[in-house]
Protein backbone atom coordinates (compact mmCIF):
# COMPACT_ATOMS: atom_id res chain seq x y z
CA UNK A 1 14.84 -9.75 66.53
CA UNK A 2 11.37 -10.48 67.87
CA UNK A 3 9.80 -13.61 69.24
CA UNK A 4 6.72 -13.70 67.05
CA UNK A 5 5.29 -17.12 66.29
CA UNK A 6 5.26 -18.21 62.68
CA UNK A 7 1.54 -19.11 62.60
CA UNK A 8 -1.64 -18.26 64.46
CA UNK A 9 -5.38 -18.92 64.73
CA UNK A 10 -7.51 -16.60 62.58
CA UNK A 11 -11.05 -16.36 61.29
CA UNK A 12 -10.90 -15.64 57.58
CA UNK A 13 -13.62 -14.52 55.22
CA UNK A 14 -12.86 -16.33 51.97
CA UNK A 15 -16.04 -15.58 49.99
CA UNK A 16 -19.62 -14.39 50.39
CA UNK A 17 -20.96 -16.01 53.61
CA UNK A 18 -17.86 -18.24 53.74
CA UNK A 19 -15.90 -18.15 56.99
CA UNK A 20 -13.12 -20.53 57.99
CA UNK A 21 -11.07 -20.96 61.17
CA UNK A 22 -7.49 -21.10 59.92
CA UNK A 23 -5.23 -22.58 62.62
CA UNK A 24 -2.06 -21.94 60.65
CA UNK A 25 -2.39 -18.45 59.25
CA UNK A 26 0.94 -16.70 58.79
CA UNK A 27 2.03 -14.11 61.36
CA UNK A 28 3.53 -11.29 59.29
CA UNK A 29 6.90 -9.79 60.17
CA UNK A 30 6.98 -5.97 60.29
CA UNK A 31 8.98 -3.86 57.85
CA UNK A 32 10.56 -0.60 59.13
CA UNK A 33 7.21 1.27 59.11
CA UNK A 34 5.01 -1.49 60.49
CA UNK A 35 3.61 -2.66 63.82
CA UNK A 36 2.57 -6.12 64.95
CA UNK A 37 0.06 -6.18 67.79
CA UNK A 38 -1.33 -9.03 69.85
CA UNK A 39 -5.12 -8.90 70.00
CA UNK A 40 -6.43 -8.97 73.56
CA UNK A 41 -10.16 -8.83 72.76
CA UNK A 42 -12.51 -8.09 69.90
CA UNK A 43 -16.24 -7.43 69.87
CA UNK A 44 -18.49 -8.87 67.18
CA UNK A 45 -20.60 -6.39 65.27
CA UNK A 46 -23.60 -6.46 62.95
CA UNK A 47 -21.44 -4.53 60.48
CA UNK A 48 -19.23 -7.62 60.20
CA UNK A 49 -22.23 -9.35 58.64
CA UNK A 50 -22.48 -6.74 55.90
CA UNK A 51 -18.95 -7.61 54.84
CA UNK A 52 -19.74 -11.31 55.25
CA UNK A 53 -22.73 -11.10 52.92
CA UNK A 54 -21.39 -8.62 50.38
CA UNK A 55 -17.69 -9.54 50.38
CA UNK A 56 -16.26 -8.05 47.16
CA UNK A 57 -19.36 -5.87 46.71
CA UNK A 58 -18.81 -4.15 50.06
CA UNK A 59 -17.58 -0.59 49.35
CA UNK A 60 -14.82 -0.96 51.95
CA UNK A 61 -13.42 -4.18 50.47
CA UNK A 62 -12.39 -2.50 47.24
CA UNK A 63 -8.94 -1.11 46.44
CA UNK A 64 -7.75 2.27 47.68
CA UNK A 65 -7.84 4.79 44.83
CA UNK A 66 -6.45 7.87 46.56
CA UNK A 67 -4.76 9.10 49.71
CA UNK A 68 -1.56 7.02 49.65
CA UNK A 69 1.00 5.66 47.23
CA UNK A 70 0.24 2.36 45.58
CA UNK A 71 3.89 1.43 46.16
CA UNK A 72 3.34 1.67 49.93
CA UNK A 73 0.22 -0.49 49.68
CA UNK A 74 2.26 -3.19 47.93
CA UNK A 75 4.47 -3.38 51.03
CA UNK A 76 1.56 -4.26 53.33
CA UNK A 77 0.68 -7.99 53.39
CA UNK A 78 -2.44 -7.32 55.52
CA UNK A 79 -3.95 -5.18 52.73
CA UNK A 80 -6.55 -7.56 51.28
CA UNK A 81 -8.75 -6.23 48.50
CA UNK A 82 -11.41 -7.59 46.17
CA UNK A 83 -11.47 -11.42 46.27
CA UNK A 84 -8.49 -11.85 48.60
CA UNK A 85 -9.42 -13.52 51.91
CA UNK A 86 -9.57 -11.04 54.77
CA UNK A 87 -9.91 -11.15 58.55
CA UNK A 88 -12.99 -9.35 59.91
CA UNK A 89 -13.30 -7.74 63.33
CA UNK A 90 -12.95 -4.04 64.04
CA UNK A 91 -13.90 -3.58 67.73
CA UNK A 92 -10.48 -4.27 69.19
CA UNK A 93 -7.91 -3.69 71.90
CA UNK A 94 -4.34 -4.83 71.31
CA UNK A 95 -0.81 -4.73 72.71
CA UNK A 96 2.16 -3.92 70.51
CA UNK A 97 4.68 -6.75 70.45
CA UNK A 98 6.95 -5.86 67.52
CA UNK A 99 7.63 -2.84 65.32
CA UNK A 100 9.99 -1.47 62.70
CA UNK A 101 12.77 0.98 63.48
CA UNK A 102 11.06 3.85 61.60
CA UNK A 103 7.82 3.71 63.63
CA UNK A 104 7.58 7.07 65.41
CA UNK A 105 4.46 7.11 67.59
CA UNK A 106 4.46 3.75 69.34
CA UNK A 107 6.59 1.45 71.48
CA UNK A 108 6.67 -2.26 72.22
CA UNK A 109 4.45 -3.10 75.17
CA UNK A 110 1.98 -0.25 74.53
CA UNK A 111 -1.68 -1.18 74.96
CA UNK A 112 -3.98 0.45 72.41
CA UNK A 113 -7.58 0.89 71.42
CA UNK A 114 -8.02 0.53 67.65
CA UNK A 115 -9.80 3.25 65.68
CA UNK A 116 -10.76 1.54 62.45
CA UNK A 117 -11.94 4.17 60.00
CA UNK A 118 -9.32 5.40 57.50
CA UNK A 119 -11.44 8.22 56.07
CA UNK A 120 -8.62 9.84 54.07
CA UNK A 121 -7.95 6.62 52.14
CA UNK A 122 -10.72 6.51 49.57
CA UNK A 123 -12.10 3.48 47.79
CA UNK A 124 -14.40 3.88 44.78
CA UNK A 125 -17.51 4.28 46.95
CA UNK A 126 -16.30 4.62 50.54
CA UNK A 127 -13.03 4.53 52.45
CA UNK A 128 -10.53 1.98 53.69
CA UNK A 129 -11.00 0.39 57.09
CA UNK A 130 -9.48 -2.05 59.55
CA UNK A 131 -11.38 -5.33 59.37
CA UNK A 132 -12.39 -4.76 55.75
CA UNK A 133 -9.71 -4.14 53.09
CA UNK A 134 -7.10 -4.30 55.86
CA UNK A 135 -7.12 -7.44 58.00
CA UNK A 136 -8.89 -7.01 61.31
CA UNK A 137 -8.87 -8.39 64.82
CA UNK A 138 -10.37 -11.87 64.64
CA UNK A 139 -6.86 -13.30 64.79
CA UNK A 140 -4.18 -13.52 67.43
CA UNK A 141 -1.74 -11.07 65.82
CA UNK A 142 -2.35 -8.28 63.36
CA UNK A 143 0.01 -6.20 61.25
CA UNK A 144 -0.61 -2.47 60.78
CA UNK A 145 1.40 0.14 58.92
CA UNK A 146 2.03 3.49 60.59
CA UNK A 147 1.72 5.26 57.26
CA UNK A 148 -1.85 3.92 57.03
CA UNK A 149 -3.00 4.49 60.59
CA UNK A 150 -1.82 8.11 60.97
CA UNK A 151 -4.30 10.89 60.24
CA UNK A 152 -2.49 13.11 57.68
CA UNK A 153 -4.31 16.24 58.89
CA UNK A 154 -3.66 15.96 62.61
CA UNK A 155 -0.72 13.56 62.78
CA UNK A 156 -2.69 11.50 65.31
CA UNK A 157 -2.34 7.74 65.33
CA UNK A 158 -5.46 5.59 65.14
CA UNK A 159 -3.92 3.39 67.81
CA UNK A 160 -5.06 5.18 70.98
CA UNK A 161 -3.04 4.35 74.12
CA UNK A 162 -5.05 3.01 77.06
CA UNK A 163 -4.03 2.03 80.58
CA UNK A 164 -3.90 -1.45 82.05
CA UNK A 165 -6.56 -0.72 84.67
CA UNK A 166 -9.47 -1.33 82.30
CA UNK A 167 -10.61 -4.76 81.19
CA UNK A 168 -9.92 -5.71 77.59
CA UNK A 169 -13.66 -6.14 77.06
CA UNK A 170 -14.40 -2.61 78.28
CA UNK A 171 -11.79 -1.17 75.94
CA UNK A 172 -12.72 -3.12 72.80
CA UNK A 173 -16.34 -2.07 73.25
CA UNK A 174 -15.36 1.58 73.14
CA UNK A 175 -15.57 1.34 69.33
CA UNK A 176 -19.32 0.54 69.07
CA UNK A 177 -20.07 2.93 71.93
CA UNK A 178 -18.11 5.60 70.05
CA UNK A 179 -20.30 5.05 66.99
CA UNK A 180 -23.32 5.68 69.22
CA UNK A 181 -21.68 8.76 70.72
CA UNK A 182 -20.84 10.06 67.24
CA UNK A 183 -24.50 10.05 66.29
CA UNK A 184 -25.32 12.43 69.13
CA UNK A 185 -22.39 14.85 69.04
CA UNK A 186 -21.37 15.23 65.38
CA UNK A 187 -21.95 18.81 64.23
CA UNK A 188 -24.54 19.42 61.53
CA UNK A 189 -24.01 21.90 58.68
CA UNK A 190 -26.43 24.79 59.12
CA UNK A 191 -25.69 26.88 56.02
CA UNK A 192 -25.11 26.56 52.30
CA UNK A 193 -21.72 24.93 51.76
CA UNK A 194 -19.12 27.58 51.12
CA UNK A 195 -17.37 26.81 47.85
CA UNK A 196 -19.90 24.12 47.04
CA UNK A 197 -22.19 23.37 44.15
CA UNK A 198 -25.64 24.99 44.48
CA UNK A 199 -28.79 24.30 42.47
CA UNK A 200 -31.80 26.67 42.68
CA UNK A 201 -35.05 25.49 41.10
CA UNK A 202 -38.11 27.74 41.00
CA UNK A 203 -41.68 26.69 40.28
CA UNK A 204 -44.12 29.02 38.55
CA UNK A 205 -45.72 31.66 40.82
CA UNK A 206 -42.75 31.40 43.21
CA UNK A 207 -40.09 34.02 43.88
CA UNK A 208 -36.61 32.98 45.09
CA UNK A 209 -36.71 34.90 48.38
CA UNK A 210 -33.84 34.69 50.85
CA UNK A 211 -31.23 33.59 48.32
CA UNK A 212 -29.15 36.77 48.49
CA UNK A 213 -28.84 36.49 52.27
CA UNK A 214 -27.66 32.88 51.96
CA UNK A 215 -25.17 33.59 49.17
CA UNK A 216 -23.62 36.55 50.97
CA UNK A 217 -22.82 34.50 54.07
CA UNK A 218 -21.54 31.37 52.29
CA UNK A 219 -20.87 31.93 48.61
CA UNK A 220 -20.85 28.68 46.61
CA UNK A 221 -18.27 28.04 43.94
CA UNK A 222 -20.94 27.30 41.36
CA UNK A 223 -24.63 28.20 41.18
CA UNK A 224 -27.11 26.77 38.69
CA UNK A 225 -30.52 28.48 38.45
CA UNK A 226 -33.35 26.67 36.68
CA UNK A 227 -37.13 26.59 36.59
CA UNK A 228 -39.36 23.55 36.64
CA UNK A 229 -39.94 24.10 32.94
CA UNK A 230 -36.35 23.02 32.33
CA UNK A 231 -35.52 19.35 31.88
CA UNK A 232 -34.17 18.60 35.34
CA UNK A 233 -33.51 14.97 34.41
CA UNK A 234 -30.63 16.19 32.27
CA UNK A 235 -28.74 17.28 35.38
CA UNK A 236 -26.11 14.80 36.62
CA UNK A 237 -27.05 12.68 39.63
CA UNK A 238 -25.38 13.20 43.02
CA UNK A 239 -23.77 16.46 41.91
CA UNK A 240 -25.05 19.25 44.16
CA UNK A 241 -24.03 20.07 47.74
CA UNK A 242 -27.15 22.21 48.15
CA UNK A 243 -30.48 22.27 46.38
CA UNK A 244 -33.12 24.92 47.06
CA UNK A 245 -36.52 24.24 45.54
CA UNK A 246 -39.24 26.88 45.57
CA UNK A 247 -42.34 24.79 44.96
CA UNK A 248 -44.46 21.84 46.05
CA UNK A 249 -44.47 19.40 43.12
CA UNK A 250 -43.75 15.89 44.48
CA UNK A 251 -42.39 14.68 41.14
CA UNK A 252 -39.88 17.55 41.07
CA UNK A 253 -38.77 16.79 44.63
CA UNK A 254 -38.19 13.15 43.69
CA UNK A 255 -36.04 14.19 40.72
CA UNK A 256 -34.04 16.64 42.83
CA UNK A 257 -33.56 13.98 45.52
CA UNK A 258 -31.29 12.09 43.10
CA UNK A 259 -29.23 15.18 42.31
CA UNK A 260 -28.08 15.65 45.89
CA UNK A 261 -24.44 14.77 46.53
CA UNK A 262 -23.14 13.03 49.65
CA UNK A 263 -23.53 15.30 52.70
CA UNK A 264 -25.83 17.52 50.64
CA UNK A 265 -28.87 19.43 51.90
CA UNK A 266 -32.14 19.91 50.03
CA UNK A 267 -34.28 22.85 51.13
CA UNK A 268 -37.96 22.79 50.09
CA UNK A 269 -39.64 26.21 50.22
CA UNK A 270 -43.41 25.68 50.06
CA UNK A 271 -44.52 29.35 50.14
CA UNK A 272 -47.83 28.40 51.75
CA UNK A 273 -48.55 25.52 49.36
CA UNK A 274 -49.05 21.83 50.18
CA UNK A 275 -47.38 18.82 48.60
CA UNK A 276 -50.27 16.83 47.17
CA UNK A 277 -49.09 13.39 48.33
CA UNK A 278 -46.23 11.56 50.06
CA UNK A 279 -42.85 11.90 48.37
CA UNK A 280 -40.45 9.01 47.76
CA UNK A 281 -37.01 10.02 49.02
CA UNK A 282 -33.64 8.34 49.62
CA UNK A 283 -34.00 7.19 53.22
CA UNK A 284 -30.91 4.96 52.94
CA UNK A 285 -28.68 7.85 51.91
CA UNK A 286 -29.57 9.81 55.04
CA UNK A 287 -27.40 7.33 56.97
CA UNK A 288 -24.76 6.27 54.45
CA UNK A 289 -24.65 9.39 52.27
CA UNK A 290 -25.41 11.80 55.14
CA UNK A 291 -27.88 13.75 53.00
CA UNK A 292 -30.32 16.06 54.79
CA UNK A 293 -33.86 17.35 54.13
CA UNK A 294 -35.07 20.72 55.42
CA UNK A 295 -37.86 23.09 54.45
CA UNK A 296 -40.21 25.89 55.35
CA UNK A 297 -43.94 26.49 54.89
CA UNK A 298 -43.09 30.15 54.26
CA UNK A 299 -41.44 31.81 51.27
CA UNK A 300 -37.98 32.71 52.64
CA UNK A 301 -35.38 30.01 51.92
CA UNK A 302 -33.09 31.24 54.70
CA UNK A 303 -35.69 30.37 57.37
CA UNK A 304 -35.27 26.60 56.88
CA UNK A 305 -31.69 26.53 58.15
CA UNK A 306 -32.68 28.00 61.53
CA UNK A 307 -34.32 24.70 62.49
CA UNK A 308 -31.24 22.53 61.87
CA UNK A 309 -29.96 21.40 65.29
CA UNK A 310 -26.31 21.98 66.17
CA UNK A 311 -25.90 18.22 66.70
CA UNK A 312 -28.10 15.14 67.06
CA UNK A 313 -28.05 15.41 70.85
CA UNK A 314 -31.14 14.75 72.95
CA UNK A 315 -32.60 17.79 74.74
CA UNK A 316 -34.03 18.39 78.19
CA UNK A 317 -37.75 17.71 78.06
CA UNK A 318 -37.54 15.31 75.12
CA UNK A 319 -39.88 12.35 74.85
CA UNK A 320 -37.61 9.79 73.19
CA UNK A 321 -38.61 6.68 71.22
CA UNK A 322 -35.85 4.12 70.68
CA UNK A 323 -36.96 1.45 68.20
CA UNK A 324 -35.13 -1.88 68.26
CA UNK A 325 -33.90 -0.90 71.71
CA UNK A 326 -33.20 -4.39 73.03
CA UNK A 327 -30.56 -5.33 70.46
CA UNK A 328 -26.84 -4.73 71.12
CA UNK A 329 -26.72 -1.21 69.66
CA UNK A 330 -30.19 -0.31 70.91
CA UNK A 331 -29.12 -1.13 74.45
CA UNK A 332 -26.21 1.27 74.06
CA UNK A 333 -28.51 4.10 72.97
CA UNK A 334 -30.80 3.50 75.94
CA UNK A 335 -27.93 3.36 78.43
CA UNK A 336 -26.10 6.30 76.85
CA UNK A 337 -29.15 8.52 77.14
CA UNK A 338 -29.95 7.40 80.68
CA UNK A 339 -26.36 8.27 81.69
CA UNK A 340 -26.12 11.47 79.61
CA UNK A 341 -26.77 13.81 82.53
CA UNK A 342 -29.56 15.50 80.54
CA UNK A 343 -32.51 15.96 82.86
CA UNK A 344 -36.26 15.74 82.40
CA UNK A 345 -36.32 13.19 79.60
CA UNK A 346 -38.67 10.28 79.02
CA UNK A 347 -37.42 7.18 77.17
CA UNK A 348 -39.75 4.65 75.56
CA UNK A 349 -37.62 1.67 74.50
CA UNK A 350 -39.34 -0.76 72.13
CA UNK A 351 -38.58 -4.19 70.71
CA UNK A 352 -40.62 -7.16 69.49
CA UNK A 353 -38.62 -9.79 71.40
CA UNK A 354 -39.80 -10.24 75.00
CA UNK A 355 -36.66 -12.12 76.04
CA UNK A 356 -34.48 -9.30 74.80
CA UNK A 357 -36.72 -6.77 76.51
CA UNK A 358 -36.26 -8.60 79.81
CA UNK A 359 -32.49 -8.44 79.35
CA UNK A 360 -32.71 -4.72 78.57
CA UNK A 361 -34.81 -4.16 81.68
CA UNK A 362 -32.33 -6.01 83.88
CA UNK A 363 -29.51 -3.79 82.59
CA UNK A 364 -31.30 -0.43 82.69
CA UNK A 365 -34.00 -0.35 85.37
CA UNK A 366 -31.64 0.48 88.25
CA UNK A 367 -29.65 2.91 86.07
CA UNK A 368 -32.83 4.77 85.17
CA UNK A 369 -33.86 4.99 88.82
CA UNK A 370 -30.41 6.22 89.85
CA UNK A 371 -30.49 8.93 87.18
CA UNK A 372 -34.13 9.87 87.79
CA UNK A 373 -35.13 8.97 84.22
CA UNK A 374 -38.64 7.91 83.24
CA UNK A 375 -37.93 4.70 81.30
CA UNK A 376 -40.64 2.51 79.76
CA UNK A 377 -39.75 -0.79 78.07
CA UNK A 378 -42.47 -1.84 75.66
CA UNK A 379 -43.35 -4.53 73.13
CA UNK A 380 -45.46 -2.46 70.69
CA UNK A 381 -47.27 -5.57 69.45
CA UNK A 382 -48.73 -5.97 72.93
CA UNK A 383 -48.82 -2.35 74.07
CA UNK A 384 -49.45 0.17 71.29
CA UNK A 385 -47.31 3.32 71.38
CA UNK A 386 -49.38 6.44 72.05
CA UNK A 387 -48.69 10.11 71.62
CA UNK A 388 -46.04 12.07 69.76
CA UNK A 389 -42.26 12.16 70.25
CA UNK A 390 -39.52 14.77 70.22
CA UNK A 391 -36.66 12.41 69.42
CA UNK A 392 -36.42 9.11 67.57
CA UNK A 393 -33.47 6.70 67.56
CA UNK A 394 -34.10 4.02 64.94
CA UNK A 395 -32.07 0.82 65.32
CA UNK A 396 -34.02 -1.26 62.79
CA UNK A 397 -32.91 -0.99 59.12
CA UNK A 398 -36.49 -0.68 57.85
CA UNK A 399 -37.45 2.44 55.88
CA UNK A 400 -41.16 2.48 56.85
CA UNK A 401 -40.11 3.11 60.45
CA UNK A 402 -38.75 6.49 59.35
CA UNK A 403 -42.06 7.34 57.69
CA UNK A 404 -43.88 6.28 60.85
CA UNK A 405 -41.64 8.50 62.96
CA UNK A 406 -42.55 11.54 60.89
CA UNK A 407 -46.23 10.75 61.32
CA UNK A 408 -45.97 10.79 65.14
CA UNK A 409 -43.42 13.61 65.39
CA UNK A 410 -43.70 16.62 67.65
CA UNK A 411 -42.57 20.07 66.59
CA UNK A 412 -38.78 20.27 66.11
CA UNK A 413 -38.48 16.48 66.27
CA UNK A 414 -35.08 14.94 65.60
CA UNK A 415 -34.99 11.56 63.82
CA UNK A 416 -31.70 9.69 64.31
CA UNK A 417 -31.54 7.01 61.59
CA UNK A 418 -28.79 5.00 63.26
CA UNK A 419 -29.60 1.72 61.52
CA UNK A 420 -27.80 1.16 58.25
CA UNK A 421 -30.76 1.14 55.88
CA UNK A 422 -29.23 0.13 52.51
CA UNK A 423 -27.99 3.18 50.63
CA UNK A 424 -30.25 2.64 47.62
CA UNK A 425 -33.45 2.40 49.68
CA UNK A 426 -36.20 4.91 48.88
CA UNK A 427 -39.54 5.24 50.66
CA UNK A 428 -42.52 7.60 50.58
CA UNK A 429 -42.76 10.03 53.50
CA UNK A 430 -45.15 12.81 54.53
CA UNK A 431 -42.98 15.83 53.71
CA UNK A 432 -45.83 18.20 54.50
CA UNK A 433 -45.81 17.12 58.14
CA UNK A 434 -42.01 16.91 58.14
CA UNK A 435 -41.71 20.53 57.02
CA UNK A 436 -44.61 21.85 59.11
CA UNK A 437 -43.12 20.31 62.26
CA UNK A 438 -39.58 21.46 61.42
CA UNK A 439 -38.41 17.85 61.71
CA UNK A 440 -34.81 16.93 61.07
CA UNK A 441 -33.73 13.43 60.08
CA UNK A 442 -30.06 12.59 60.02
CA UNK A 443 -27.69 9.64 60.12
CA UNK A 444 -24.04 9.00 60.87
CA UNK A 445 -21.74 6.07 60.19
CA UNK A 446 -18.71 5.03 62.20
CA UNK A 447 -16.75 7.20 64.60
CA UNK A 448 -13.65 9.38 64.84
CA UNK A 449 -10.87 9.61 67.42
CA UNK A 450 -12.77 12.37 69.24
CA UNK A 451 -15.70 10.02 69.92
CA UNK A 452 -13.45 7.27 71.27
CA UNK A 453 -11.71 9.66 73.63
CA UNK A 454 -15.07 10.89 74.93
CA UNK A 455 -16.20 7.33 75.64
CA UNK A 456 -12.87 6.48 77.27
CA UNK A 457 -13.23 9.51 79.54
CA UNK A 458 -16.76 8.43 80.48
CA UNK A 459 -15.42 4.98 81.40
CA UNK A 460 -12.50 6.34 83.40
CA UNK A 461 -14.76 8.77 85.27
CA UNK A 462 -17.29 6.07 86.13
CA UNK A 463 -20.08 7.70 84.12
CA UNK A 464 -20.28 4.68 81.81
CA UNK A 465 -19.44 0.98 82.01
CA UNK A 466 -19.22 -0.50 78.51
CA UNK A 467 -19.14 -4.01 80.03
CA UNK A 468 -22.86 -3.67 80.67
CA UNK A 469 -23.22 -4.54 76.97
CA UNK A 470 -21.55 -7.96 77.20
CA UNK A 471 -23.89 -10.92 76.74
CA UNK A 472 -21.46 -13.70 75.82
CA UNK A 473 -17.76 -14.53 75.59
CA UNK A 474 -15.75 -16.75 73.28
CA UNK A 475 -12.32 -17.83 72.18
CA UNK A 476 -11.35 -18.53 68.59
CA UNK A 477 -13.21 -21.86 68.64
CA UNK A 478 -16.52 -20.05 69.13
CA UNK A 479 -15.93 -16.95 67.00
CA UNK A 480 -17.77 -18.21 63.91
CA UNK A 481 -20.65 -19.37 66.10
CA UNK A 482 -20.62 -15.88 67.60
CA UNK A 483 -21.03 -14.27 64.19
CA UNK A 484 -23.93 -16.65 63.50
CA UNK A 485 -25.52 -15.56 66.79
CA UNK A 486 -25.20 -11.92 65.71
CA UNK A 487 -26.83 -12.75 62.38
CA UNK A 488 -29.66 -14.73 63.96
CA UNK A 489 -30.11 -12.25 66.82
CA UNK A 490 -30.07 -15.04 69.39
CA UNK A 491 -28.24 -12.89 71.95
CA UNK A 492 -29.38 -9.50 73.17
CA UNK A 493 -25.99 -7.94 73.89
CA UNK A 494 -22.43 -7.95 72.64
CA UNK A 495 -20.16 -10.95 72.14
CA UNK A 496 -16.53 -10.49 73.13
CA UNK A 497 -13.92 -12.82 71.63
CA UNK A 498 -10.56 -13.43 73.32
CA UNK A 499 -8.33 -14.62 70.44
CA UNK A 500 -5.55 -15.89 72.71
CA UNK A 501 -8.01 -18.48 74.08
CA UNK A 502 -8.00 -20.84 71.14
CA UNK A 503 -10.37 -23.56 72.40
CA UNK A 504 -13.04 -21.57 74.28
CA UNK A 505 -16.49 -22.02 72.67
CA UNK A 506 -19.22 -19.40 72.60
CA UNK A 507 -20.72 -19.12 76.11
CA UNK A 508 -23.58 -16.78 77.02
CA UNK A 509 -23.08 -15.17 80.43
CA UNK A 510 -26.38 -16.70 81.52
CA UNK A 511 -24.78 -20.16 81.11
CA UNK A 512 -21.33 -19.31 82.40
CA UNK A 513 -21.84 -21.04 85.76
CA UNK A 514 -22.33 -24.36 83.95
CA UNK A 515 -19.07 -24.08 82.01
CA UNK A 516 -16.74 -21.86 84.05
CA UNK A 517 -18.12 -21.56 87.60
CA UNK A 518 -15.02 -19.79 88.93
CA UNK A 519 -15.43 -17.11 86.29
CA UNK A 520 -19.17 -16.89 86.87
CA UNK A 521 -18.51 -16.18 90.57
CA UNK A 522 -16.76 -12.96 89.52
CA UNK A 523 -19.79 -11.53 87.70
CA UNK A 524 -21.57 -8.56 89.24
CA UNK A 525 -25.25 -9.53 89.34
CA UNK A 526 -24.80 -11.18 85.96
CA UNK A 527 -22.69 -8.34 84.49
CA UNK A 528 -19.27 -8.98 83.00
CA UNK A 529 -16.40 -7.52 85.03
CA UNK A 530 -12.64 -7.12 84.94
CA UNK A 531 -12.40 -9.67 87.77
CA UNK A 532 -14.29 -12.20 85.66
CA UNK A 533 -12.01 -11.47 82.72
CA UNK A 534 -8.89 -11.87 84.86
CA UNK A 535 -10.17 -15.24 86.10
CA UNK A 536 -10.95 -16.29 82.52
CA UNK A 537 -7.47 -15.44 81.30
CA UNK A 538 -5.60 -17.23 84.09
């Protein structure tokens, strides 16, 4: 028997933009394969707003269509699909308080970081996730099923054990920091996909040079060869893992853009020609669909792949532009790069909000000096950005910013489209300059266990303090106000909710001395600390 309460406080999403604080939500009892964990802390995320706005239209709110038995799903009361109310919140640390007798990987009392992304459980357009079609952490207790949270390939659990030395806030913020880390360290495919679906399109007066070399090293399962005289519109959309186009016709490129499957690469071989005007391409799918654009001004298709970077990591000597740098995720990119250990870099961090920029400066100026990093914090409306850049990290979900980055790119520039520009968004870009400069734009979404372990190691070693992100705290009484603050961008950093504190309202750290002076005394020059958290939880 366990001592679980029958009811709890929970924030529930009951419809598009409809949140309620339910003070009597049921606490589920575990079946033999299930775990009940007490939530210690949860960070609020801009991604929560996407679910809030889209609700049933969000690709992760839909039913699971593959990866697990539907009979198992029927056993899980926290599986909430379509119009069923769900509990958001995916940046979480918890402690296991009850479990079934067939749970293999966990024990009662274990403290865990929650990895939220169930990539092997597919929905119609995405995958399942904690805080979406499975109830998340904006409640006091959450039920999880070990059959759901175990990676079938590795056998690893998505509940990652952590020690008691770290603050709950530091641990829950590993998740957003891991998403940032993922964008820098995820490997990029640098060849034709072996066993994939390849389309080769050749314009008149062009010869398909370099194809044999590519096919010998990574033979595709299926190859379609066409010319631009064929009706390319008859090809199915989002069907090819690789497209190689020998030509420079912008209309053809725009047609082929739609034929590229998720994680696909399109290679434009110009053979000395110029594209006559900007080309409208799927900027949004670079992030959400992980499609990639490469090319060469020469005539050998194999040359294009040589300029794909191994990962999206910054490089020594890079001049880095971080747009939207003073928001919660932008701050993480700035701090991550300052603390990366990569020498001889220059960071220009931009934002249009002077108050946010001041907060960013207060958090990063000393760090930059300690790490010998040239950091400039700029409002581009007041101080125009000059010169070209080697690396771009784009935090603002606005497609024209990607086009602008290409226009001020240096040779071999990397463009990290971190912001979730809606998947259907297209925008014209200067592909001539993109190809001439060997630019590479990419995007990632979410994180994997590897990323979380890297961030945890950085915290434990003292290389990184995720608490530097905290800008406000709350209990359940202030959680909905916290989500509104995220939506309205009224706070520069992260909001951490402590669900066990039912009546605590939303309190910015800058106002903590007025509400909780004993807690405020434990801050470190305004920064949230474990001592402050301990005082709060007394």
